[in-house]
């Protein structure tokens, strides 16, 4: 049967053993874990200075695009919402020296919440701004 052993208990066992306050048998009787567990924890303590195995903090596949790259894509989308994924792919390759597949860009945009609906909304707002800007420019000329 598996039970989680507290980090404090492991550390106490190591300190008792290293300072030779108790024999190994007495320590194992007090803390109630196997001798093999004790030696594993002691080896880990000597090698890493920690009593638990290091775990990877990132789960899943590693990301190809970093935060700065995704922010660059967002700026491109806000500036030119009508561009297709292959155009964004080419700009990312040219300007950031990152070669990825267009599905990677699509997945990253979905992860940050950029959907087709949002892209249409951005394009609509941009078209309104262009229309207003060109309208004011025409009236200024007259």
Protein backbone atom coordinates (compact mmCIF):
# COMPACT_ATOMS: atom_id res chain seq x y z
CA UNK A 1 0.00 0.00 0.00
CA UNK A 2 1.31 3.42 -0.97
CA UNK A 3 1.23 6.32 1.47
CA UNK A 4 2.71 9.76 1.07
CA UNK A 5 5.52 10.41 3.53
CA UNK A 6 5.74 13.95 4.79
CA UNK A 7 8.79 15.95 3.74
CA UNK A 8 9.33 16.93 7.38
CA UNK A 9 9.48 13.27 8.44
CA UNK A 10 11.99 12.49 5.70
CA UNK A 11 14.13 15.47 6.68
CA UNK A 12 13.96 14.54 10.37
CA UNK A 13 15.08 10.99 9.58
CA UNK A 14 18.04 12.27 7.55
CA UNK A 15 19.07 14.73 10.28
CA UNK A 16 18.86 12.03 12.97
CA UNK A 17 20.97 9.70 10.82
CA UNK A 18 23.60 12.29 9.84
CA UNK A 19 24.03 13.53 13.41
CA UNK A 20 24.11 9.94 14.70
CA UNK A 21 21.50 10.62 17.40
CA UNK A 22 19.80 7.25 16.82
CA UNK A 23 20.64 4.04 15.06
CA UNK A 24 19.17 3.42 11.64
CA UNK A 25 16.91 0.71 13.07
CA UNK A 26 15.49 3.11 15.70
CA UNK A 27 14.99 5.85 13.11
CA UNK A 28 13.11 3.50 10.78
CA UNK A 29 11.00 2.26 13.69
CA UNK A 30 10.06 5.84 14.62
CA UNK A 31 9.30 7.15 11.14
CA UNK A 32 7.78 3.86 9.91
CA UNK A 33 9.10 3.65 6.38
CA UNK A 34 11.21 1.04 4.63
CA UNK A 35 14.99 1.03 4.68
CA UNK A 36 15.02 1.20 0.86
CA UNK A 37 12.91 4.36 1.04
CA UNK A 38 15.34 5.86 3.54
CA UNK A 39 18.34 5.14 1.30
CA UNK A 40 16.51 6.55 -1.71
CA UNK A 41 15.68 9.77 0.17
CA UNK A 42 19.24 10.03 1.52
CA UNK A 43 20.71 9.57 -1.97
CA UNK A 44 18.39 12.25 -3.33
CA UNK A 45 19.36 14.55 -0.44
CA UNK A 46 23.09 14.07 -1.13
CA UNK A 47 22.77 14.55 -4.90
CA UNK A 48 20.32 17.43 -5.11
CA UNK A 49 20.01 18.93 -1.62
CA UNK A 50 16.29 18.18 -1.71
CA UNK A 51 14.25 15.29 -0.38
CA UNK A 52 11.71 15.07 -3.18
CA UNK A 53 12.34 14.18 -6.80
CA UNK A 54 12.29 17.17 -9.14
CA UNK A 55 9.27 17.25 -11.38
CA UNK A 56 8.82 19.01 -14.66
CA UNK A 57 6.70 22.12 -14.15
CA UNK A 58 5.52 22.15 -17.76
CA UNK A 59 3.03 19.53 -18.79
CA UNK A 60 2.20 18.57 -22.35
CA UNK A 61 4.05 19.45 -25.50
CA UNK A 62 6.67 22.18 -25.44
CA UNK A 63 5.53 25.41 -27.04
CA UNK A 64 7.24 26.52 -30.23
CA UNK A 65 6.01 30.10 -29.99
CA UNK A 66 7.02 32.14 -26.98
CA UNK A 67 5.00 34.94 -25.43
CA UNK A 68 6.73 37.63 -27.50
CA UNK A 69 5.94 35.75 -30.70
CA UNK A 70 2.27 35.47 -29.78
CA UNK A 71 2.16 39.17 -28.89
CA UNK A 72 3.68 39.92 -32.31
CA UNK A 73 0.90 37.87 -33.93
CA UNK A 74 -1.72 39.78 -31.95
CA UNK A 75 -0.28 43.11 -33.13
CA UNK A 76 -0.32 41.86 -36.72
CA UNK A 77 -3.93 40.73 -36.40
CA UNK A 78 -5.04 44.05 -34.96
CA UNK A 79 -3.18 45.91 -37.70
CA UNK A 80 -4.30 43.64 -40.58
CA UNK A 81 -7.24 41.45 -39.47
CA UNK A 82 -7.92 40.33 -43.02
CA UNK A 83 -4.62 38.50 -43.42
CA UNK A 84 -4.72 34.75 -43.78
CA UNK A 85 -2.75 32.32 -41.65
CA UNK A 86 -0.22 31.70 -44.42
CA UNK A 87 0.53 35.44 -44.56
CA UNK A 88 1.00 35.53 -40.79
CA UNK A 89 3.21 32.45 -41.13
CA UNK A 90 5.41 34.18 -43.69
CA UNK A 91 5.76 37.31 -41.55
CA UNK A 92 6.62 35.23 -38.50
CA UNK A 93 9.23 33.36 -40.50
CA UNK A 94 10.70 36.54 -42.02
CA UNK A 95 10.62 38.86 -39.01
CA UNK A 96 11.07 36.48 -36.07
CA UNK A 97 13.02 33.68 -37.80
CA UNK A 98 10.51 31.09 -36.61
CA UNK A 99 9.34 28.42 -39.01
CA UNK A 100 6.07 26.86 -37.91
CA UNK A 101 3.05 25.30 -39.57
CA UNK A 102 -0.09 27.39 -40.00
CA UNK A 103 -1.98 25.02 -37.68
CA UNK A 104 0.46 25.99 -34.93
CA UNK A 105 -0.46 29.64 -35.42
CA UNK A 106 -4.14 28.71 -35.44
CA UNK A 107 -3.80 26.71 -32.21
CA UNK A 108 -1.87 29.51 -30.49
CA UNK A 109 -4.50 32.04 -31.51
CA UNK A 110 -7.24 29.75 -30.19
CA UNK A 111 -5.33 29.34 -26.90
CA UNK A 112 -5.27 33.10 -26.33
CA UNK A 113 -8.93 33.39 -27.26
CA UNK A 114 -8.71 34.83 -30.77
CA UNK A 115 -11.59 33.25 -32.68
CA UNK A 116 -12.99 33.83 -36.13
CA UNK A 117 -15.78 35.85 -34.52
CA UNK A 118 -13.24 38.14 -32.80
CA UNK A 119 -11.28 38.53 -36.02
CA UNK A 120 -14.44 39.59 -37.85
CA UNK A 121 -15.16 42.08 -35.06
CA UNK A 122 -11.63 43.53 -35.26
CA UNK A 123 -11.93 43.82 -39.04
CA UNK A 124 -15.31 45.53 -38.73
CA UNK A 125 -13.98 48.04 -36.17
CA UNK A 126 -10.91 48.69 -38.31
CA UNK A 127 -13.05 49.26 -41.40
CA UNK A 128 -15.16 51.78 -39.44
CA UNK A 129 -12.00 53.61 -38.37
CA UNK A 130 -10.68 53.67 -41.96
CA UNK A 131 -14.05 54.92 -43.24
CA UNK A 132 -14.21 57.64 -40.57
CA UNK A 133 -10.59 58.61 -41.22
CA UNK A 134 -11.04 58.77 -44.99
CA UNK A 135 -14.32 60.66 -44.53
CA UNK A 136 -12.73 63.32 -42.36
CA UNK A 137 -9.84 63.61 -44.77
CA UNK A 138 -12.20 64.22 -47.69
CA UNK A 139 -14.12 66.89 -45.84
CA UNK A 140 -10.87 68.55 -44.81
CA UNK A 141 -9.84 68.83 -48.48
CA UNK A 142 -13.07 70.58 -49.51
